Amino acid sequence: MSQFITKLSTRALASEDYKKATNELFRSYVFKMVGQEAKLNKNHVKQLVSVAQYFYRVNDNKFRKEGSSLLSMLIDVCGDMYPEIIVSVV
């Protein structure tokens, strides 16, 4: 199972969808940090939460740090907006 999760996580990290979703997350995170409205697409939130959960299952600090960063930014940006999604990973 761990080999499967590692391959899945590696593919997710390299995918264009992941790059788009993380770019949207980072943009929203920066907006929120400077006091502007931060909106994040619910589908991207779901996608990023799922990917972060995969990253945490990989026995590699690189993936775990990426997952930690994702979850931290997600909670900051949209913890209030989408509590049902965020609660599932905490």
PDB file of N, CA and C in Angstrom:
ATOM      1  N   MET A   1       0.822  -1.195   0.000  1.00  0.00           N
ATOM      2  CA  MET A   1       0.000   0.000   0.000  1.00  0.00           C
ATOM      3  C   MET A   1       0.863   1.255   0.000  1.00  0.00           C
ATOM      4  N   SER A   2       1.968   1.256   0.734  1.00  0.00           N
ATOM      5  CA  SER A   2       2.765   2.475   0.815  1.00  0.00           C
ATOM      6  C   SER A   2       3.390   2.833  -0.533  1.00  0.00           C
ATOM      7  N   GLN A   3       3.728   1.824  -1.340  1.00  0.00           N
ATOM      8  CA  GLN A   3       4.257   2.104  -2.668  1.00  0.00           C
ATOM      9  C   GLN A   3       3.191   2.757  -3.541  1.00  0.00           C
ATOM     10  N   PHE A   4       1.976   2.282  -3.421  1.00  0.00           N
ATOM     11  CA  PHE A   4       0.869   2.860  -4.178  1.00  0.00           C
ATOM     12  C   PHE A   4       0.649   4.323  -3.780  1.00  0.00           C
ATOM     13  N   ILE A   5       0.611   4.608  -2.480  1.00  0.00           N
ATOM     14  CA  ILE A   5       0.402   5.972  -1.990  1.00  0.00           C
ATOM     15  C   ILE A   5       1.554   6.871  -2.423  1.00  0.00           C
ATOM     16  N   THR A   6       2.769   6.353  -2.402  1.00  0.00           N
ATOM     17  CA  THR A   6       3.930   7.137  -2.832  1.00  0.00           C
ATOM     18  C   THR A   6       3.808   7.499  -4.306  1.00  0.00           C
ATOM     19  N   LYS A   7       3.453   6.537  -5.144  1.00  0.00           N
ATOM     20  CA  LYS A   7       3.288   6.809  -6.574  1.00  0.00           C
ATOM     21  C   LYS A   7       2.144   7.782  -6.824  1.00  0.00           C
ATOM     22  N   LEU A   8       1.052   7.582  -6.117  1.00  0.00           N
ATOM     23  CA  LEU A   8      -0.102   8.472  -6.253  1.00  0.00           C
ATOM     24  C   LEU A   8       0.266   9.897  -5.842  1.00  0.00           C
ATOM     25  N   SER A   9       0.975  10.030  -4.746  1.00  0.00           N
ATOM     26  CA  SER A   9       1.389  11.349  -4.260  1.00  0.00           C
ATOM     27  C   SER A   9       2.357  12.018  -5.225  1.00  0.00           C
ATOM     28  N   THR A  10       3.262  11.246  -5.776  1.00  0.00           N
ATOM     29  CA  THR A  10       4.224  11.782  -6.743  1.00  0.00           C
ATOM     30  C   THR A  10       3.512  12.296  -7.989  1.00  0.00           C
ATOM     31  N   ARG A  11       2.550  11.528  -8.466  1.00  0.00           N
ATOM     32  CA  ARG A  11       1.773  11.965  -9.640  1.00  0.00           C
ATOM     33  C   ARG A  11       0.941  13.193  -9.329  1.00  0.00           C
ATOM     34  N   ALA A  12       0.341  13.209  -8.147  1.00  0.00           N
ATOM     35  CA  ALA A  12      -0.472  14.368  -7.756  1.00  0.00           C
ATOM     36  C   ALA A  12       0.382  15.623  -7.699  1.00  0.00           C
ATOM     37  N   LEU A  13       1.557  15.516  -7.115  1.00  0.00           N
ATOM     38  CA  LEU A  13       2.462  16.653  -6.974  1.00  0.00           C
ATOM     39  C   LEU A  13       2.866  17.224  -8.338  1.00  0.00           C
ATOM     40  N   ALA A  14       2.965  16.375  -9.340  1.00  0.00           N
ATOM     41  CA  ALA A  14       3.397  16.805 -10.675  1.00  0.00           C
ATOM     42  C   ALA A  14       2.240  17.220 -11.586  1.00  0.00           C
ATOM     43  N   SER A  15       1.004  17.000 -11.156  1.00  0.00           N
ATOM     44  CA  SER A  15      -0.128  17.253 -12.050  1.00  0.00           C
ATOM     45  C   SER A  15      -0.432  18.749 -12.202  1.00  0.00           C
ATOM     46  N   GLU A  16      -0.976  19.083 -13.352  1.00  0.00           N
ATOM     47  CA  GLU A  16      -1.377  20.467 -13.623  1.00  0.00           C
ATOM     48  C   GLU A  16      -2.527  20.901 -12.724  1.00  0.00           C
ATOM     49  N   ASP A  17      -3.450  19.990 -12.438  1.00  0.00           N
ATOM     50  CA  ASP A  17      -4.574  20.325 -11.547  1.00  0.00           C
ATOM     51  C   ASP A  17      -4.069  20.697 -10.158  1.00  0.00           C
ATOM     52  N   TYR A  18      -3.089  19.964  -9.679  1.00  0.00           N
ATOM     53  CA  TYR A  18      -2.513  20.265  -8.365  1.00  0.00           C
ATOM     54  C   TYR A  18      -1.840  21.640  -8.382  1.00  0.00           C
ATOM     55  N   LYS A  19      -1.114  21.910  -9.434  1.00  0.00           N
ATOM     56  CA  LYS A  19      -0.438  23.207  -9.555  1.00  0.00           C
ATOM     57  C   LYS A  19      -1.454  24.354  -9.581  1.00  0.00           C
ATOM     58  N   LYS A  20      -2.542  24.185 -10.320  1.00  0.00           N
ATOM     59  CA  LYS A  20      -3.580  25.223 -10.372  1.00  0.00           C
ATOM     60  C   LYS A  20      -4.218  25.418  -8.999  1.00  0.00           C
ATOM     61  N   ALA A  21      -4.540  24.322  -8.339  1.00  0.00           N
ATOM     62  CA  ALA A  21      -5.194  24.405  -7.030  1.00  0.00           C
ATOM     63  C   ALA A  21      -4.267  25.030  -5.994  1.00  0.00           C
ATOM     64  N   THR A  22      -2.990  24.664  -5.998  1.00  0.00           N
ATOM     65  CA  THR A  22      -2.063  25.244  -5.018  1.00  0.00           C
ATOM     66  C   THR A  22      -1.781  26.712  -5.329  1.00  0.00           C
ATOM     67  N   ASN A  23      -1.758  27.072  -6.597  1.00  0.00           N
ATOM     68  CA  ASN A  23      -1.591  28.480  -6.951  1.00  0.00           C
ATOM     69  C   ASN A  23      -2.772  29.304  -6.440  1.00  0.00           C
ATOM     70  N   GLU A  24      -3.984  28.772  -6.599  1.00  0.00           N
ATOM     71  CA  GLU A  24      -5.174  29.461  -6.101  1.00  0.00           C
ATOM     72  C   GLU A  24      -5.127  29.564  -4.571  1.00  0.00           C
ATOM     73  N   LEU A  25      -4.710  28.490  -3.919  1.00  0.00           N
ATOM     74  CA  LEU A  25      -4.594  28.497  -2.462  1.00  0.00           C
ATOM     75  C   LEU A  25      -3.572  29.535  -2.003  1.00  0.00           C
ATOM     76  N   PHE A  26      -2.404  29.542  -2.624  1.00  0.00           N
ATOM     77  CA  PHE A  26      -1.364  30.489  -2.217  1.00  0.00           C
ATOM     78  C   PHE A  26      -1.809  31.923  -2.450  1.00  0.00           C
ATOM     79  N   ARG A  27      -2.451  32.182  -3.588  1.00  0.00           N
ATOM     80  CA  ARG A  27      -2.960  33.526  -3.878  1.00  0.00           C
ATOM     81  C   ARG A  27      -3.970  33.952  -2.815  1.00  0.00           C
ATOM     82  N   SER A  28      -4.884  33.061  -2.483  1.00  0.00           N
ATOM     83  CA  SER A  28      -5.891  33.364  -1.463  1.00  0.00           C
ATOM     84  C   SER A  28      -5.247  33.581  -0.101  1.00  0.00           C
ATOM     85  N   TYR A  29      -4.222  32.805   0.189  1.00  0.00           N
ATOM     86  CA  TYR A  29      -3.495  32.920   1.460  1.00  0.00           C
ATOM     87  C   TYR A  29      -2.830  34.293   1.577  1.00  0.00           C
ATOM     88  N   VAL A  30      -2.190  34.722   0.501  1.00  0.00           N
ATOM     89  CA  VAL A  30      -1.537  36.036   0.496  1.00  0.00           C
ATOM     90  C   VAL A  30      -2.580  37.143   0.648  1.00  0.00           C
ATOM     91  N   PHE A  31      -3.687  37.046  -0.085  1.00  0.00           N
ATOM     92  CA  PHE A  31      -4.747  38.044   0.051  1.00  0.00           C
ATOM     93  C   PHE A  31      -5.248  38.125   1.483  1.00  0.00           C
ATOM     94  N   LYS A  32      -5.454  36.987   2.095  1.00  0.00           N
ATOM     95  CA  LYS A  32      -5.946  36.973   3.471  1.00  0.00           C
ATOM     96  C   LYS A  32      -4.921  37.596   4.428  1.00  0.00           C
ATOM     97  N   MET A  33      -3.652  37.340   4.208  1.00  0.00           N
ATOM     98  CA  MET A  33      -2.604  37.875   5.076  1.00  0.00           C
ATOM     99  C   MET A  33      -2.509  39.403   5.012  1.00  0.00           C
ATOM    100  N   VAL A  34      -2.905  39.986   3.883  1.00  0.00           N
ATOM    101  CA  VAL A  34      -2.857  41.445   3.754  1.00  0.00           C
ATOM    102  C   VAL A  34      -4.223  42.080   3.994  1.00  0.00           C
ATOM    103  N   GLY A  35      -5.176  41.280   4.483  1.00  0.00           N
ATOM    104  CA  GLY A  35      -6.472  41.818   4.870  1.00  0.00           C
ATOM    105  C   GLY A  35      -7.501  41.909   3.767  1.00  0.00           C
ATOM    106  N   GLN A  36      -7.246  41.282   2.634  1.00  0.00           N
ATOM    107  CA  GLN A  36      -8.226  41.292   1.549  1.00  0.00           C
ATOM    108  C   GLN A  36      -9.044  40.012   1.582  1.00  0.00           C
ATOM    109  N   GLU A  37     -10.133  40.019   0.835  1.00  0.00           N
ATOM    110  CA  GLU A  37     -11.003  38.848   0.789  1.00  0.00           C
ATOM    111  C   GLU A  37     -10.280  37.686   0.103  1.00  0.00           C
ATOM    112  N   ALA A  38     -10.360  36.550   0.726  1.00  0.00           N
ATOM    113  CA  ALA A  38      -9.721  35.347   0.188  1.00  0.00           C
ATOM    114  C   ALA A  38     -10.792  34.328  -0.144  1.00  0.00           C
ATOM    115  N   LYS A  39     -10.934  34.015  -1.423  1.00  0.00           N
ATOM    116  CA  LYS A  39     -11.911  33.019  -1.843  1.00  0.00           C
ATOM    117  C   LYS A  39     -11.162  31.851  -2.471  1.00  0.00           C
ATOM    118  N   LEU A  40     -11.660  30.671  -2.161  1.00  0.00           N
ATOM    119  CA  LEU A  40     -11.065  29.467  -2.709  1.00  0.00           C
ATOM    120  C   LEU A  40     -12.192  28.549  -3.165  1.00  0.00           C
ATOM    121  N   ASN A  41     -12.085  28.059  -4.365  1.00  0.00           N
ATOM    122  CA  ASN A  41     -13.071  27.175  -4.953  1.00  0.00           C
ATOM    123  C   ASN A  41     -13.219  25.908  -4.108  1.00  0.00           C
ATOM    124  N   LYS A  42     -14.452  25.532  -3.811  1.00  0.00           N
ATOM    125  CA  LYS A  42     -14.712  24.371  -2.948  1.00  0.00           C
ATOM    126  C   LYS A  42     -14.135  23.088  -3.544  1.00  0.00           C
ATOM    127  N   ASN A  43     -14.178  22.954  -4.849  1.00  0.00           N
ATOM    128  CA  ASN A  43     -13.604  21.762  -5.488  1.00  0.00           C
ATOM    129  C   ASN A  43     -12.100  21.691  -5.291  1.00  0.00           C
ATOM    130  N   HIS A  44     -11.443  22.853  -5.355  1.00  0.00           N
ATOM    131  CA  HIS A  44     -10.001  22.873  -5.104  1.00  0.00           C
ATOM    132  C   HIS A  44      -9.699  22.531  -3.649  1.00  0.00           C
ATOM    133  N   VAL A  45     -10.528  22.999  -2.757  1.00  0.00           N
ATOM    134  CA  VAL A  45     -10.340  22.680  -1.334  1.00  0.00           C
ATOM    135  C   VAL A  45     -10.431  21.176  -1.131  1.00  0.00           C
ATOM    136  N   LYS A  46     -11.457  20.554  -1.679  1.00  0.00           N
ATOM    137  CA  LYS A  46     -11.621  19.109  -1.553  1.00  0.00           C
ATOM    138  C   LYS A  46     -10.420  18.368  -2.138  1.00  0.00           C
ATOM    139  N   GLN A  47      -9.984  18.810  -3.309  1.00  0.00           N
ATOM    140  CA  GLN A  47      -8.848  18.183  -3.966  1.00  0.00           C
ATOM    141  C   GLN A  47      -7.590  18.298  -3.106  1.00  0.00           C
ATOM    142  N   LEU A  48      -7.343  19.477  -2.585  1.00  0.00           N
ATOM    143  CA  LEU A  48      -6.142  19.696  -1.790  1.00  0.00           C
ATOM    144  C   LEU A  48      -6.174  18.950  -0.465  1.00  0.00           C
ATOM    145  N   VAL A  49      -7.329  18.863   0.149  1.00  0.00           N
ATOM    146  CA  VAL A  49      -7.457  18.096   1.393  1.00  0.00           C
ATOM    147  C   VAL A  49      -7.152  16.623   1.125  1.00  0.00           C
ATOM    148  N   SER A  50      -7.682  16.095   0.036  1.00  0.00           N
ATOM    149  CA  SER A  50      -7.422  14.692  -0.312  1.00  0.00           C
ATOM    150  C   SER A  50      -5.947  14.448  -0.571  1.00  0.00           C
ATOM    151  N   VAL A  51      -5.347  15.325  -1.338  1.00  0.00           N
ATOM    152  CA  VAL A  51      -3.929  15.175  -1.652  1.00  0.00           C
ATOM    153  C   VAL A  51      -3.081  15.289  -0.381  1.00  0.00           C
ATOM    154  N   ALA A  52      -3.418  16.223   0.479  1.00  0.00           N
ATOM    155  CA  ALA A  52      -2.678  16.377   1.739  1.00  0.00           C
ATOM    156  C   ALA A  52      -2.764  15.109   2.573  1.00  0.00           C
ATOM    157  N   GLN A  53      -3.908  14.457   2.568  1.00  0.00           N
ATOM    158  CA  GLN A  53      -4.047  13.204   3.301  1.00  0.00           C
ATOM    159  C   GLN A  53      -3.158  12.112   2.711  1.00  0.00           C
ATOM    160  N   TYR A  54      -3.041  12.075   1.392  1.00  0.00           N
ATOM    161  CA  TYR A  54      -2.118  11.120   0.758  1.00  0.00           C
ATOM    162  C   TYR A  54      -0.681  11.431   1.158  1.00  0.00           C
ATOM    163  N   PHE A  55      -0.335  12.720   1.131  1.00  0.00           N
ATOM    164  CA  PHE A  55       1.036  13.114   1.475  1.00  0.00           C
ATOM    165  C   PHE A  55       1.416  12.661   2.880  1.00  0.00           C
ATOM    166  N   TYR A  56       0.484  12.741   3.797  1.00  0.00           N
ATOM    167  CA  TYR A  56       0.754  12.337   5.181  1.00  0.00           C
ATOM    168  C   TYR A  56       0.976  10.832   5.315  1.00  0.00           C
ATOM    169  N   ARG A  57       0.500  10.054   4.366  1.00  0.00           N
ATOM    170  CA  ARG A  57       0.671   8.601   4.435  1.00  0.00           C
ATOM    171  C   ARG A  57       2.004   8.145   3.863  1.00  0.00           C
ATOM    172  N   VAL A  58       2.685   9.030   3.144  1.00  0.00           N
ATOM    173  CA  VAL A  58       3.982   8.680   2.570  1.00  0.00           C
ATOM    174  C   VAL A  58       5.053   8.839   3.643  1.00  0.00           C
ATOM    175  N   ASN A  59       5.929   7.874   3.716  1.00  0.00           N
ATOM    176  CA  ASN A  59       6.991   7.903   4.720  1.00  0.00           C
ATOM    177  C   ASN A  59       8.188   8.686   4.174  1.00  0.00           C
ATOM    178  N   ASP A  60       7.949   9.962   3.896  1.00  0.00           N
ATOM    179  CA  ASP A  60       8.986  10.841   3.351  1.00  0.00           C
ATOM    180  C   ASP A  60       8.681  12.255   3.836  1.00  0.00           C
ATOM    181  N   ASN A  61       9.666  12.877   4.473  1.00  0.00           N
ATOM    182  CA  ASN A  61       9.452  14.214   5.036  1.00  0.00           C
ATOM    183  C   ASN A  61       9.070  15.252   3.987  1.00  0.00           C
ATOM    184  N   LYS A  62       9.551  15.105   2.771  1.00  0.00           N
ATOM    185  CA  LYS A  62       9.214  16.051   1.698  1.00  0.00           C
ATOM    186  C   LYS A  62       7.695  16.099   1.503  1.00  0.00           C
ATOM    187  N   PHE A  63       7.080  14.934   1.422  1.00  0.00           N
ATOM    188  CA  PHE A  63       5.633  14.877   1.229  1.00  0.00           C
ATOM    189  C   PHE A  63       4.887  15.356   2.471  1.00  0.00           C
ATOM    190  N   ARG A  64       5.371  14.968   3.627  1.00  0.00           N
ATOM    191  CA  ARG A  64       4.704  15.367   4.863  1.00  0.00           C
ATOM    192  C   ARG A  64       4.768  16.876   5.078  1.00  0.00           C
ATOM    193  N   LYS A  65       5.884  17.488   4.732  1.00  0.00           N
ATOM    194  CA  LYS A  65       5.989  18.953   4.846  1.00  0.00           C
ATOM    195  C   LYS A  65       5.035  19.631   3.873  1.00  0.00           C
ATOM    196  N   GLU A  66       4.929  19.090   2.682  1.00  0.00           N
ATOM    197  CA  GLU A  66       3.999  19.644   1.691  1.00  0.00           C
ATOM    198  C   GLU A  66       2.565  19.525   2.197  1.00  0.00           C
ATOM    199  N   GLY A  67       2.218  18.374   2.741  1.00  0.00           N
ATOM    200  CA  GLY A  67       0.880  18.172   3.291  1.00  0.00           C
ATOM    201  C   GLY A  67       0.600  19.102   4.452  1.00  0.00           C
ATOM    202  N   SER A  68       1.587  19.297   5.294  1.00  0.00           N
ATOM    203  CA  SER A  68       1.444  20.197   6.437  1.00  0.00           C
ATOM    204  C   SER A  68       1.224  21.636   5.985  1.00  0.00           C
ATOM    205  N   SER A  69       1.982  22.056   5.000  1.00  0.00           N
ATOM    206  CA  SER A  69       1.819  23.414   4.460  1.00  0.00           C
ATOM    207  C   SER A  69       0.437  23.605   3.856  1.00  0.00           C
ATOM    208  N   LEU A  70      -0.008  22.608   3.104  1.00  0.00           N
ATOM    209  CA  LEU A  70      -1.338  22.686   2.494  1.00  0.00           C
ATOM    210  C   LEU A  70      -2.422  22.830   3.549  1.00  0.00           C
ATOM    211  N   LEU A  71      -2.381  21.959   4.535  1.00  0.00           N
ATOM    212  CA  LEU A  71      -3.427  21.984   5.561  1.00  0.00           C
ATOM    213  C   LEU A  71      -3.403  23.275   6.358  1.00  0.00           C
ATOM    214  N   SER A  72      -2.221  23.757   6.661  1.00  0.00           N
ATOM    215  CA  SER A  72      -2.101  25.005   7.410  1.00  0.00           C
ATOM    216  C   SER A  72      -2.716  26.171   6.636  1.00  0.00           C
ATOM    217  N   MET A  73      -2.370  26.278   5.360  1.00  0.00           N
ATOM    218  CA  MET A  73      -2.927  27.357   4.545  1.00  0.00           C
ATOM    219  C   MET A  73      -4.429  27.189   4.355  1.00  0.00           C
ATOM    220  N   LEU A  74      -4.881  25.952   4.155  1.00  0.00           N
ATOM    221  CA  LEU A  74      -6.313  25.704   3.983  1.00  0.00           C
ATOM    222  C   LEU A  74      -7.104  26.128   5.209  1.00  0.00           C
ATOM    223  N   ILE A  75      -6.604  25.787   6.378  1.00  0.00           N
ATOM    224  CA  ILE A  75      -7.299  26.161   7.610  1.00  0.00           C
ATOM    225  C   ILE A  75      -7.331  27.677   7.754  1.00  0.00           C
ATOM    226  N   ASP A  76      -6.204  28.338   7.463  1.00  0.00           N
ATOM    227  CA  ASP A  76      -6.159  29.797   7.559  1.00  0.00           C
ATOM    228  C   ASP A  76      -7.098  30.468   6.558  1.00  0.00           C
ATOM    229  N   VAL A  77      -7.090  29.992   5.336  1.00  0.00           N
ATOM    230  CA  VAL A  77      -7.848  30.651   4.265  1.00  0.00           C
ATOM    231  C   VAL A  77      -9.334  30.329   4.321  1.00  0.00           C
ATOM    232  N   CYS A  78      -9.671  29.081   4.541  1.00  0.00           N
ATOM    233  CA  CYS A  78     -11.088  28.732   4.383  1.00  0.00           C
ATOM    234  C   CYS A  78     -11.641  27.850   5.492  1.00  0.00           C
ATOM    235  N   GLY A  79     -11.006  27.850   6.638  1.00  0.00           N
ATOM    236  CA  GLY A  79     -11.523  27.082   7.761  1.00  0.00           C
ATOM    237  C   GLY A  79     -12.915  27.517   8.174  1.00  0.00           C
ATOM    238  N   ASP A  80     -13.183  28.805   8.087  1.00  0.00           N
ATOM    239  CA  ASP A  80     -14.512  29.321   8.429  1.00  0.00           C
ATOM    240  C   ASP A  80     -15.501  29.133   7.282  1.00  0.00           C
ATOM    241  N   MET A  81     -14.997  29.222   6.052  1.00  0.00           N
ATOM    242  CA  MET A  81     -15.851  29.149   4.872  1.00  0.00           C
ATOM    243  C   MET A  81     -16.352  27.721   4.613  1.00  0.00           C
ATOM    244  N   TYR A  82     -15.491  26.731   4.808  1.00  0.00           N
ATOM    245  CA  TYR A  82     -15.827  25.331   4.549  1.00  0.00           C
ATOM    246  C   TYR A  82     -15.482  24.464   5.760  1.00  0.00           C
ATOM    247  N   PRO A  83     -16.138  24.681   6.891  1.00  0.00           N
ATOM    248  CA  PRO A  83     -15.771  23.916   8.097  1.00  0.00           C
ATOM    249  C   PRO A  83     -15.991  22.413   7.949  1.00  0.00           C
ATOM    250  N   GLU A  84     -16.945  22.014   7.129  1.00  0.00           N
ATOM    251  CA  GLU A  84     -17.227  20.588   6.963  1.00  0.00           C
ATOM    252  C   GLU A  84     -16.071  19.854   6.297  1.00  0.00           C
ATOM    253  N   ILE A  85     -15.332  20.539   5.458  1.00  0.00           N
ATOM    254  CA  ILE A  85     -14.196  19.914   4.775  1.00  0.00           C
ATOM    255  C   ILE A  85     -12.984  19.898   5.686  1.00  0.00           C
ATOM    256  N   ILE A  86     -12.722  21.000   6.336  1.00  0.00           N
ATOM    257  CA  ILE A  86     -11.548  21.119   7.178  1.00  0.00           C
ATOM    258  C   ILE A  86     -11.647  20.206   8.388  1.00  0.00           C
ATOM    259  N   VAL A  87     -12.815  20.072   8.966  1.00  0.00           N
ATOM    260  CA  VAL A  87     -12.999  19.230  10.142  1.00  0.00           C
ATOM    261  C   VAL A  87     -12.627  17.776   9.851  1.00  0.00           C
ATOM    262  N   SER A  88     -12.815  17.346   8.622  1.00  0.00           N
ATOM    263  CA  SER A  88     -12.542  15.960   8.266  1.00  0.00           C
ATOM    264  C   SER A  88     -11.069  15.591   8.321  1.00  0.00           C
ATOM    265  N   VAL A  89     -10.182  16.586   8.354  1.00  0.00           N
ATOM    266  CA  VAL A  89      -8.753  16.275   8.368  1.00  0.00           C
ATOM    267  C   VAL A  89      -8.087  16.607   9.690  1.00  0.00           C
ATOM    268  N   VAL A  90      -8.739  17.346  10.543  1.00  0.00           N
ATOM    269  CA  VAL A  90      -8.113  17.768  11.798  1.00  0.00           C
ATOM    270  C   VAL A  90      -8.159  16.669  12.816  1.00  0.00           C
TER     271      VAL A  90
END
